[in-house]
Amino acid sequence: MASPSAPKRKTKKKHFVQQKVEVFRASDPVLSVLMWGVNHSMNDLSQVPVPVMLLPDDFKANTKIKVNNHLFNKENLPGQFKFKEYCPQVFRNLREHFGIEDQDFQVSLARSPAVKDAEGQGMGLLLTSYDRTLVVKEISSEEVEDMHDILSEYHQHIVTCHGSTLLPQFLAMYRVTVESEDTYLLVMRNMFSHRLHVHRKYDLKGSLVSREASFKEKVKELPTYKDVDFRNNMQKVYVSDEEKKKVMDKLNRDVEFLVRMRIMDYSLLLGIHDVERAEREEADDMESSYDEEEEEDENALAPVRAPGSTSPEGIAGYMNSFKPMGPGEFDPYVDVYAIQSAVGESEQMSKNHLFRSRSLTTHCYSDCCDVGALQREVYFMGLIDVLTQYDTKKKAAHAAKAVKHGAGAEISTVHPEQYAKRFREFITKIFA
């Protein structure tokens, strides 16, 4: 007797195979296709043996699927769409070097719709996965080409440094086509924590020209401050000498790679979690809606374990089986960009800081007066915007700024070697 599943064996369209994880759809058609495509491509990839070594063709490869007039899930998916995954074997290998299992990646990205980030307004789509471990950024077709240009060297760099880097952890790259419109999406590990709230945020390039947050930016709930603000706020990063050396070793190695790739205009993204402030906020929240929030948190971050699966709870989900973490604690295997502050190492440092913090006169947000105080803090540091190569457009911008500010002025658009030297010198000085 013919098995009802027999036709499935005759076709290569594995998207009809039962999903390994429960999938919810998003209201946005691009998001819905992304979630469908990620599940389809990851299920396909799981059937393909891991190659012994990557070949040059793997860095040019892609997989595509075109769906027309389908009859499944019509209420959530558009009638026609296309999904393309770039260099699947390369990104699979990168995920392995970054300690991320494919099924965890699939769950984090596709079990529940990603959340649109307000920061992305005006810059294309910017999404954070439902469990806050991944960031999905819309990029241009030119940036897709830039990624292909550096991917082989980037992969070699990650292998050489054993995944220990401040560079973005590139995990996948896709193209979603809905109604003949292409959307290019780059998936990265979230540099900030999935559980520790960031209270202050800086984007640092090592230049003081046009590098101050606008008034419109400063009144936001979580402004992105810049180099001038960092100096005016007398902000400092308080870490041990050992941690500083680790950070600078990574930074120097990564910046040398960026110079080789002729890349510039990158930034250090610095997020600061204030442990005491977080405890106060948590206490206030618990007073207002303890039971309700606890239930929501459990539902959001502790998905039901799929049968027969070793780690199906997403990149951060397995942590729920351990005892709850205390204030300011983090798992270094998940929050890989996090560094604990060094508290109370020097009484004189504390006195110096107290004097400085009282003299602050710049625009500030709530609790600004204890900026950089020797309270417990957690820092998140990583390099962002690393796809800008020194091309004709940059050369023109450099010439224009040199005319405006003078050839010797501290401008952000310079040659890659100059940019790297100035950047490293500035970052060295952010530490107390």
Protein backbone atom coordinates (compact mmCIF):
# COMPACT_ATOMS: atom_id res chain seq x y z
CA MET A 1 0.00 0.00 0.00
CA ALA A 2 1.36 3.37 -1.00
CA SER A 3 2.39 5.53 1.89
CA PRO A 4 0.70 8.95 1.97
CA SER A 5 4.13 10.49 2.41
CA ALA A 6 5.52 8.82 -0.74
CA PRO A 7 5.24 11.93 -2.95
CA LYS A 8 7.52 13.76 -0.48
CA ARG A 9 10.30 11.30 -1.16
CA LYS A 10 10.19 12.16 -4.86
CA THR A 11 10.67 15.88 -4.41
CA LYS A 12 13.58 17.91 -3.08
CA LYS A 13 11.28 20.53 -1.57
CA LYS A 14 11.97 19.75 2.05
CA HIS A 15 9.81 22.62 3.28
CA PHE A 16 6.92 20.16 3.31
CA VAL A 17 8.75 18.12 5.96
CA GLN A 18 7.34 18.70 9.41
CA GLN A 19 9.09 21.57 11.17
CA LYS A 20 11.38 20.68 14.07
CA VAL A 21 10.30 23.77 15.99
CA GLU A 22 6.94 25.38 16.36
CA VAL A 23 6.73 28.45 14.14
CA PHE A 24 4.66 31.57 14.59
CA ARG A 25 4.19 34.07 11.76
CA ALA A 26 4.65 37.81 11.78
CA SER A 27 2.18 40.37 10.51
CA ASP A 28 4.87 41.96 8.31
CA PRO A 29 5.18 39.93 5.04
CA VAL A 30 8.98 40.37 4.90
CA LEU A 31 9.26 39.07 8.46
CA SER A 32 6.94 36.17 7.72
CA VAL A 33 8.98 35.14 4.68
CA LEU A 34 12.21 35.53 6.68
CA MET A 35 10.91 33.19 9.39
CA TRP A 36 9.62 30.70 6.84
CA GLY A 37 12.85 30.88 4.85
CA VAL A 38 15.10 30.44 7.89
CA ASN A 39 13.20 27.32 8.92
CA HIS A 40 13.23 25.95 5.38
CA SER A 41 16.95 26.62 4.80
CA MET A 42 18.06 25.39 8.22
CA ASN A 43 16.04 22.18 7.83
CA ASP A 44 17.62 21.67 4.41
CA LEU A 45 21.10 22.40 5.76
CA SER A 46 20.65 19.85 8.56
CA GLN A 47 20.41 17.15 5.84
CA VAL A 48 23.75 18.19 4.33
CA PRO A 49 26.95 16.76 5.88
CA VAL A 50 29.37 19.30 7.32
CA PRO A 51 32.26 19.55 4.83
CA VAL A 52 35.76 18.60 5.98
CA MET A 53 36.98 21.99 4.76
CA LEU A 54 35.49 24.99 3.01
CA LEU A 55 36.29 25.42 -0.69
CA PRO A 56 36.53 28.69 -2.66
CA ASP A 57 33.16 27.96 -4.27
CA ASP A 58 31.51 27.91 -0.83
CA PHE A 59 32.24 31.65 -0.55
CA LYS A 60 30.26 32.30 -3.75
CA ALA A 61 27.46 29.76 -3.22
CA ASN A 62 23.82 30.46 -2.46
CA THR A 63 20.55 28.59 -2.20
CA LYS A 64 17.30 29.98 -3.62
CA ILE A 65 13.65 29.08 -3.50
CA LYS A 66 10.75 30.66 -5.36
CA VAL A 67 7.19 30.06 -4.17
CA ASN A 68 4.22 30.82 -6.43
CA ASN A 69 0.52 30.53 -5.62
CA HIS A 70 1.10 28.23 -2.66
CA LEU A 71 -1.79 26.77 -0.70
CA PHE A 72 -0.17 26.56 2.74
CA ASN A 73 -0.39 29.20 5.45
CA LYS A 74 -2.07 31.67 3.07
CA GLU A 75 -3.33 33.85 5.91
CA ASN A 76 0.23 34.74 6.96
CA LEU A 77 2.48 34.40 3.92
CA PRO A 78 2.20 36.41 0.68
CA GLY A 79 1.00 34.45 -2.36
CA GLN A 80 4.35 34.77 -4.12
CA PHE A 81 7.80 35.27 -2.65
CA LYS A 82 11.46 34.35 -3.03
CA PHE A 83 14.07 33.54 -0.41
CA LYS A 84 17.83 33.38 -0.92
CA GLU A 85 20.54 32.38 1.53
CA TYR A 86 24.11 33.45 0.82
CA CYS A 87 27.10 31.16 1.47
CA PRO A 88 25.23 28.72 3.74
CA GLN A 89 28.23 26.48 4.47
CA VAL A 90 30.47 29.44 5.34
CA PHE A 91 28.01 30.96 7.78
CA ARG A 92 27.32 27.52 9.25
CA ASN A 93 31.05 27.20 9.93
CA LEU A 94 31.18 30.73 11.41
CA ARG A 95 28.28 29.90 13.76
CA GLU A 96 30.23 26.87 14.93
CA HIS A 97 33.32 29.00 15.65
CA PHE A 98 31.12 31.42 17.60
CA GLY A 99 29.73 28.56 19.69
CA ILE A 100 26.18 28.75 18.28
CA GLU A 101 24.41 25.53 17.35
CA ASP A 102 22.26 25.62 14.23
CA GLN A 103 19.07 24.57 15.98
CA ASP A 104 19.53 27.22 18.67
CA PHE A 105 20.07 29.79 15.92
CA GLN A 106 16.91 28.59 14.16
CA VAL A 107 14.82 28.79 17.33
CA SER A 108 16.09 32.25 18.31
CA LEU A 109 15.47 33.67 14.85
CA ALA A 110 12.30 31.90 13.73
CA ARG A 111 10.27 30.55 16.64
CA SER A 112 8.63 33.92 17.33
CA PRO A 113 8.64 37.16 15.30
CA ALA A 114 11.61 39.47 15.75
CA VAL A 115 10.86 42.91 17.19
CA LYS A 116 11.39 46.07 15.17
CA ASP A 117 13.89 48.41 16.79
CA ALA A 118 13.04 52.12 16.94
CA GLU A 119 16.73 52.82 16.20
CA GLY A 120 16.18 51.49 12.69
CA GLN A 121 13.74 54.20 11.65
CA GLY A 122 15.08 55.96 8.58
CA MET A 123 17.95 53.46 8.22
CA GLY A 124 16.03 50.46 6.92
CA LEU A 125 14.78 47.50 8.88
CA LEU A 126 16.48 46.79 12.20
CA LEU A 127 15.20 43.83 14.20
CA THR A 128 16.02 42.13 17.48
CA SER A 129 15.13 38.45 17.85
CA TYR A 130 12.34 37.66 20.32
CA ASP A 131 14.88 36.34 22.85
CA ARG A 132 17.15 39.39 22.27
CA THR A 133 20.22 37.33 21.34
CA LEU A 134 20.30 38.24 17.62
CA VAL A 135 20.12 41.42 15.57
CA VAL A 136 18.83 41.45 11.98
CA LYS A 137 19.91 44.50 10.00
CA GLU A 138 18.73 45.54 6.55
CA ILE A 139 21.70 46.26 4.30
CA SER A 140 22.09 47.50 0.73
CA SER A 141 22.96 45.36 -2.29
CA GLU A 142 26.34 47.14 -2.30
CA GLU A 143 26.94 45.98 1.28
CA VAL A 144 26.10 42.42 0.21
CA GLU A 145 28.93 42.77 -2.35
CA ASP A 146 31.21 44.23 0.33
CA MET A 147 30.43 41.27 2.55
CA HIS A 148 31.33 38.85 -0.25
CA ASP A 149 34.57 40.79 -0.78
CA ILE A 150 35.72 40.33 2.82
CA LEU A 151 34.01 37.05 3.76
CA SER A 152 36.95 34.72 3.01
CA GLU A 153 39.42 36.90 4.96
CA TYR A 154 36.87 37.50 7.75
CA HIS A 155 36.37 33.74 8.09
CA GLN A 156 40.13 33.17 8.25
CA HIS A 157 40.46 35.91 10.88
CA ILE A 158 37.74 34.31 13.04
CA VAL A 159 39.38 30.88 12.72
CA THR A 160 42.80 32.32 13.63
CA CYS A 161 41.54 34.16 16.72
CA HIS A 162 39.33 31.19 17.73
CA GLY A 163 36.18 33.33 17.61
CA SER A 164 37.59 35.77 20.19
CA THR A 165 36.89 39.14 18.56
CA LEU A 166 35.26 42.54 18.99
CA LEU A 167 34.10 42.43 15.36
CA PRO A 168 30.43 41.77 14.64
CA GLN A 169 29.66 38.05 14.71
CA PHE A 170 28.15 37.59 11.25
CA LEU A 171 25.87 34.54 11.41
CA ALA A 172 23.82 34.55 8.18
CA MET A 173 22.88 36.70 5.18
CA TYR A 174 19.59 36.51 3.29
CA ARG A 175 17.58 38.13 0.53
CA VAL A 176 13.80 38.24 0.88
CA THR A 177 11.75 39.17 -2.18
CA VAL A 178 8.11 40.18 -1.72
CA GLU A 179 6.10 41.87 -4.50
CA SER A 180 9.27 42.12 -6.64
CA GLU A 181 11.04 44.15 -3.96
CA ASP A 182 14.33 42.80 -2.57
CA THR A 183 15.25 43.17 1.10
CA TYR A 184 18.79 42.17 2.09
CA LEU A 185 19.23 41.07 5.69
CA LEU A 186 22.37 40.44 7.74
CA VAL A 187 22.08 38.44 10.97
CA MET A 188 24.53 39.13 13.81
CA ARG A 189 24.85 38.30 17.48
CA ASN A 190 23.43 41.06 19.66
CA MET A 191 26.35 42.97 21.21
CA PHE A 192 24.16 43.96 24.15
CA SER A 193 22.77 41.52 26.70
CA HIS A 194 19.58 39.55 26.30
CA ARG A 195 18.83 40.16 30.00
CA LEU A 196 20.89 43.12 31.34
CA HIS A 197 19.37 46.45 30.33
CA VAL A 198 21.77 49.04 28.87
CA HIS A 199 21.43 52.42 30.63
CA ARG A 200 24.00 54.44 28.66
CA LYS A 201 25.23 54.01 25.11
CA TYR A 202 28.09 55.52 23.11
CA ASP A 203 29.15 55.30 19.46
CA LEU A 204 32.87 56.17 19.41
CA LYS A 205 35.01 56.83 16.32
CA GLY A 206 37.96 58.72 17.81
CA SER A 207 37.08 62.03 16.14
CA LEU A 208 35.69 65.21 17.73
CA VAL A 209 34.47 66.81 14.47
CA SER A 210 30.67 66.60 14.13
CA ARG A 211 30.68 63.88 16.77
CA GLU A 212 28.16 65.15 19.31
CA ALA A 213 24.67 63.72 19.73
CA SER A 214 21.94 66.10 18.53
CA PHE A 215 19.39 67.55 20.93
CA LYS A 216 16.77 65.35 19.25
CA GLU A 217 18.92 62.31 20.02
CA LYS A 218 19.64 63.35 23.61
CA VAL A 219 15.98 63.50 24.60
CA LYS A 220 15.40 59.87 23.59
CA GLU A 221 14.88 57.26 26.30
CA LEU A 222 18.24 55.66 25.43
CA PRO A 223 20.28 58.19 23.42
CA THR A 224 23.31 57.19 21.38
CA TYR A 225 26.00 59.53 22.64
CA LYS A 226 29.18 60.22 20.65
CA ASP A 227 32.83 61.15 21.15
CA VAL A 228 32.28 64.76 22.25
CA ASP A 229 29.60 63.63 24.73
CA PHE A 230 31.96 60.98 26.09
CA ARG A 231 34.58 63.66 26.75
CA ASN A 232 32.11 66.23 28.13
CA ASN A 233 30.48 63.67 30.45
CA MET A 234 33.96 62.68 31.67
CA GLN A 235 32.86 59.12 31.12
CA LYS A 236 35.37 56.38 31.83
CA VAL A 237 35.43 52.59 31.61
CA TYR A 238 36.56 50.99 34.87
CA VAL A 239 38.01 47.54 34.29
CA SER A 240 40.99 45.66 35.68
CA ASP A 241 44.37 45.90 33.95
CA GLU A 242 43.95 42.28 32.89
CA GLU A 243 40.57 42.97 31.24
CA LYS A 244 41.91 46.13 29.59
CA LYS A 245 44.79 44.14 28.09
CA LYS A 246 42.36 41.49 26.78
CA VAL A 247 40.17 44.16 25.17
CA MET A 248 43.09 46.04 23.60
CA ASP A 249 44.66 42.81 22.30
CA LYS A 250 41.38 41.94 20.57
CA LEU A 251 40.96 45.50 19.32
CA ASN A 252 44.47 45.71 17.88
CA ARG A 253 44.09 42.34 16.14
CA ASP A 254 40.69 43.30 14.71
CA VAL A 255 41.77 46.77 13.60
CA GLU A 256 44.80 45.31 11.79
CA PHE A 257 42.37 43.05 9.92
CA LEU A 258 40.18 46.06 9.01
CA VAL A 259 43.21 47.99 7.71
CA ARG A 260 44.17 45.01 5.53
CA MET A 261 40.63 45.02 4.14
CA ARG A 262 40.86 48.81 3.50
CA ILE A 263 37.87 49.27 5.84
CA MET A 264 37.26 52.40 7.87
CA ASP A 265 34.57 54.56 9.47
CA TYR A 266 33.82 51.82 11.99
CA SER A 267 32.89 52.62 15.58
CA LEU A 268 33.25 51.14 19.03
CA LEU A 269 29.77 50.55 20.41
CA LEU A 270 29.88 50.92 24.20
CA GLY A 271 26.89 49.99 26.35
CA ILE A 272 26.87 50.46 30.12
CA HIS A 273 24.64 48.53 32.50
CA ASP A 274 24.36 50.15 35.95
CA VAL A 275 23.80 47.27 38.38
CA GLU A 276 22.45 49.36 41.29
CA ARG A 277 20.10 51.27 39.02
CA ALA A 278 18.85 47.99 37.54
CA GLU A 279 18.14 46.69 41.05
CA ARG A 280 16.13 49.82 41.86
CA GLU A 281 14.18 49.52 38.61
CA GLU A 282 13.52 45.83 39.22
CA ALA A 283 12.28 46.53 42.75
CA ASP A 284 9.90 49.20 41.39
CA ASP A 285 8.63 46.83 38.72
CA MET A 286 8.09 44.03 41.19
CA GLU A 287 6.01 46.30 43.41
CA SER A 288 3.72 47.28 40.54
CA SER A 289 3.18 44.00 38.70
CA TYR A 290 5.27 41.18 40.12
CA ASP A 291 3.12 38.20 39.21
CA GLU A 292 2.20 39.39 35.75
CA GLU A 293 5.74 40.24 34.71
CA GLU A 294 7.19 37.02 36.09
CA GLU A 295 4.70 35.04 34.03
CA GLU A 296 5.49 37.05 30.89
CA ASP A 297 9.24 36.61 31.36
CA GLU A 298 8.85 32.86 31.76
CA ASN A 299 6.74 32.65 28.62
CA ALA A 300 9.13 34.81 26.64
CA LEU A 301 12.43 33.21 27.54
CA ALA A 302 11.59 29.62 28.41
CA PRO A 303 10.03 27.96 25.35
CA VAL A 304 8.82 24.39 25.75
CA ARG A 305 11.53 21.85 25.08
CA ALA A 306 11.00 20.01 21.81
CA PRO A 307 10.99 16.20 22.12
CA GLY A 308 14.26 14.45 21.36
CA SER A 309 16.17 17.70 21.04
CA THR A 310 19.39 18.46 22.89
CA SER A 311 19.25 22.27 22.94
CA PRO A 312 16.10 23.61 21.28
CA GLU A 313 15.53 26.63 23.49
CA GLY A 314 17.45 29.17 21.48
CA ILE A 315 20.85 30.73 22.08
CA ALA A 316 20.04 31.85 25.64
CA GLY A 317 17.24 29.43 26.48
CA TYR A 318 19.32 26.68 28.08
CA MET A 319 20.20 29.07 30.92
CA ASN A 320 16.67 28.74 32.29
CA SER A 321 17.50 25.27 33.58
CA PHE A 322 20.12 26.75 35.90
CA LYS A 323 19.59 28.79 39.03
CA PRO A 324 18.59 32.43 38.34
CA MET A 325 21.45 34.86 37.91
CA GLY A 326 22.03 37.65 40.40
CA PRO A 327 22.19 41.39 39.65
CA GLY A 328 24.86 42.21 37.09
CA GLU A 329 25.73 38.56 36.47
CA PHE A 330 25.98 37.23 32.92
CA ASP A 331 26.98 34.10 31.06
CA PRO A 332 30.16 34.88 29.08
CA TYR A 333 29.23 32.23 26.51
CA VAL A 334 26.05 34.15 25.67
CA ASP A 335 26.98 37.77 26.45
CA VAL A 336 30.32 37.48 24.71
CA TYR A 337 30.87 41.26 24.48
CA ALA A 338 30.31 41.83 28.23
CA ILE A 339 32.97 42.86 30.75
CA GLN A 340 32.50 43.24 34.50
CA SER A 341 33.66 46.53 36.02
CA ALA A 342 36.46 46.63 38.56
CA VAL A 343 34.93 48.20 41.67
CA GLY A 344 36.79 49.93 44.48
CA GLU A 345 40.27 49.16 43.23
CA SER A 346 41.52 52.61 44.14
CA GLU A 347 40.23 54.97 46.80
CA GLN A 348 41.97 57.84 45.07
CA MET A 349 40.24 56.96 41.79
CA SER A 350 36.93 57.20 43.60
CA LYS A 351 37.77 60.62 45.08
CA ASN A 352 38.92 61.91 41.69
CA HIS A 353 35.75 60.67 40.09
CA LEU A 354 33.56 62.26 42.78
CA PHE A 355 35.15 65.63 42.06
CA ARG A 356 34.64 65.23 38.30
CA SER A 357 31.05 64.00 38.52
CA ARG A 358 30.05 67.02 40.62
CA SER A 359 31.47 69.34 37.98
CA LEU A 360 29.38 67.96 35.13
CA THR A 361 27.47 70.70 33.36
CA THR A 362 26.52 69.00 30.10
CA HIS A 363 23.02 67.87 29.09
CA CYS A 364 22.24 64.65 30.92
CA TYR A 365 19.61 61.99 31.28
CA SER A 366 18.19 60.66 34.54
CA ASP A 367 20.88 59.49 36.99
CA CYS A 368 23.60 61.17 34.90
CA CYS A 369 25.40 62.53 37.95
CA ASP A 370 26.79 59.12 38.81
CA VAL A 371 28.29 58.62 35.35
CA GLY A 372 31.33 56.40 35.67
CA ALA A 373 31.15 56.26 39.46
CA LEU A 374 32.81 53.28 41.05
CA GLN A 375 29.55 51.45 41.39
CA ARG A 376 29.08 48.03 39.85
CA GLU A 377 28.74 48.25 36.10
CA VAL A 378 28.78 45.85 33.18
CA TYR A 379 30.24 47.09 29.89
CA PHE A 380 29.41 45.83 26.41
CA MET A 381 32.04 46.65 23.78
CA GLY A 382 32.12 45.72 20.11
CA LEU A 383 33.06 47.11 16.71
CA ILE A 384 30.19 48.10 14.40
CA ASP A 385 29.74 49.46 10.86
CA VAL A 386 32.65 47.47 9.45
CA LEU A 387 31.51 47.27 5.82
CA THR A 388 32.65 50.75 4.69
CA GLN A 389 35.62 50.38 2.37
CA TYR A 390 37.84 53.30 1.36
CA ASP A 391 36.37 53.83 -2.09
CA THR A 392 35.88 56.82 -4.37
CA LYS A 393 32.98 58.15 -2.28
CA LYS A 394 35.14 58.20 0.86
CA LYS A 395 38.01 59.90 -0.96
CA ALA A 396 35.62 62.64 -2.13
CA ALA A 397 34.22 63.09 1.39
CA HIS A 398 37.76 63.32 2.79
CA ALA A 399 38.70 66.03 0.29
CA ALA A 400 35.55 68.02 1.08
CA LYS A 401 36.12 67.85 4.85
CA ALA A 402 39.78 68.75 4.49
CA VAL A 403 38.79 71.91 2.61
CA LYS A 404 36.18 72.79 5.27
CA HIS A 405 38.20 72.04 8.43
CA GLY A 406 41.79 72.31 7.21
CA ALA A 407 44.16 69.51 6.24
CA GLY A 408 45.34 68.84 9.80
CA ALA A 409 41.90 68.87 11.46
CA GLU A 410 40.57 65.84 13.32
CA ILE A 411 38.02 64.70 10.75
CA SER A 412 36.31 61.34 10.70
CA THR A 413 36.95 60.65 6.99
CA VAL A 414 40.65 59.80 6.60
CA HIS A 415 42.73 56.98 5.11
CA PRO A 416 42.29 53.50 6.66
CA GLU A 417 45.76 53.54 8.28
CA GLN A 418 45.25 57.04 9.73
CA TYR A 419 41.75 56.13 10.87
CA ALA A 420 43.03 53.00 12.65
CA LYS A 421 45.86 54.87 14.40
CA ARG A 422 43.57 57.65 15.65
CA PHE A 423 40.86 55.16 16.63
CA ARG A 424 43.22 52.99 18.70
CA GLU A 425 44.73 56.01 20.45
CA PHE A 426 41.27 57.26 21.41
CA ILE A 427 40.01 53.88 22.66
CA THR A 428 43.13 53.43 24.82
CA LYS A 429 42.14 56.63 26.66
CA ILE A 430 38.54 55.60 27.47
CA PHE A 431 39.78 53.41 30.33
CA ALA A 432 40.22 54.90 33.83
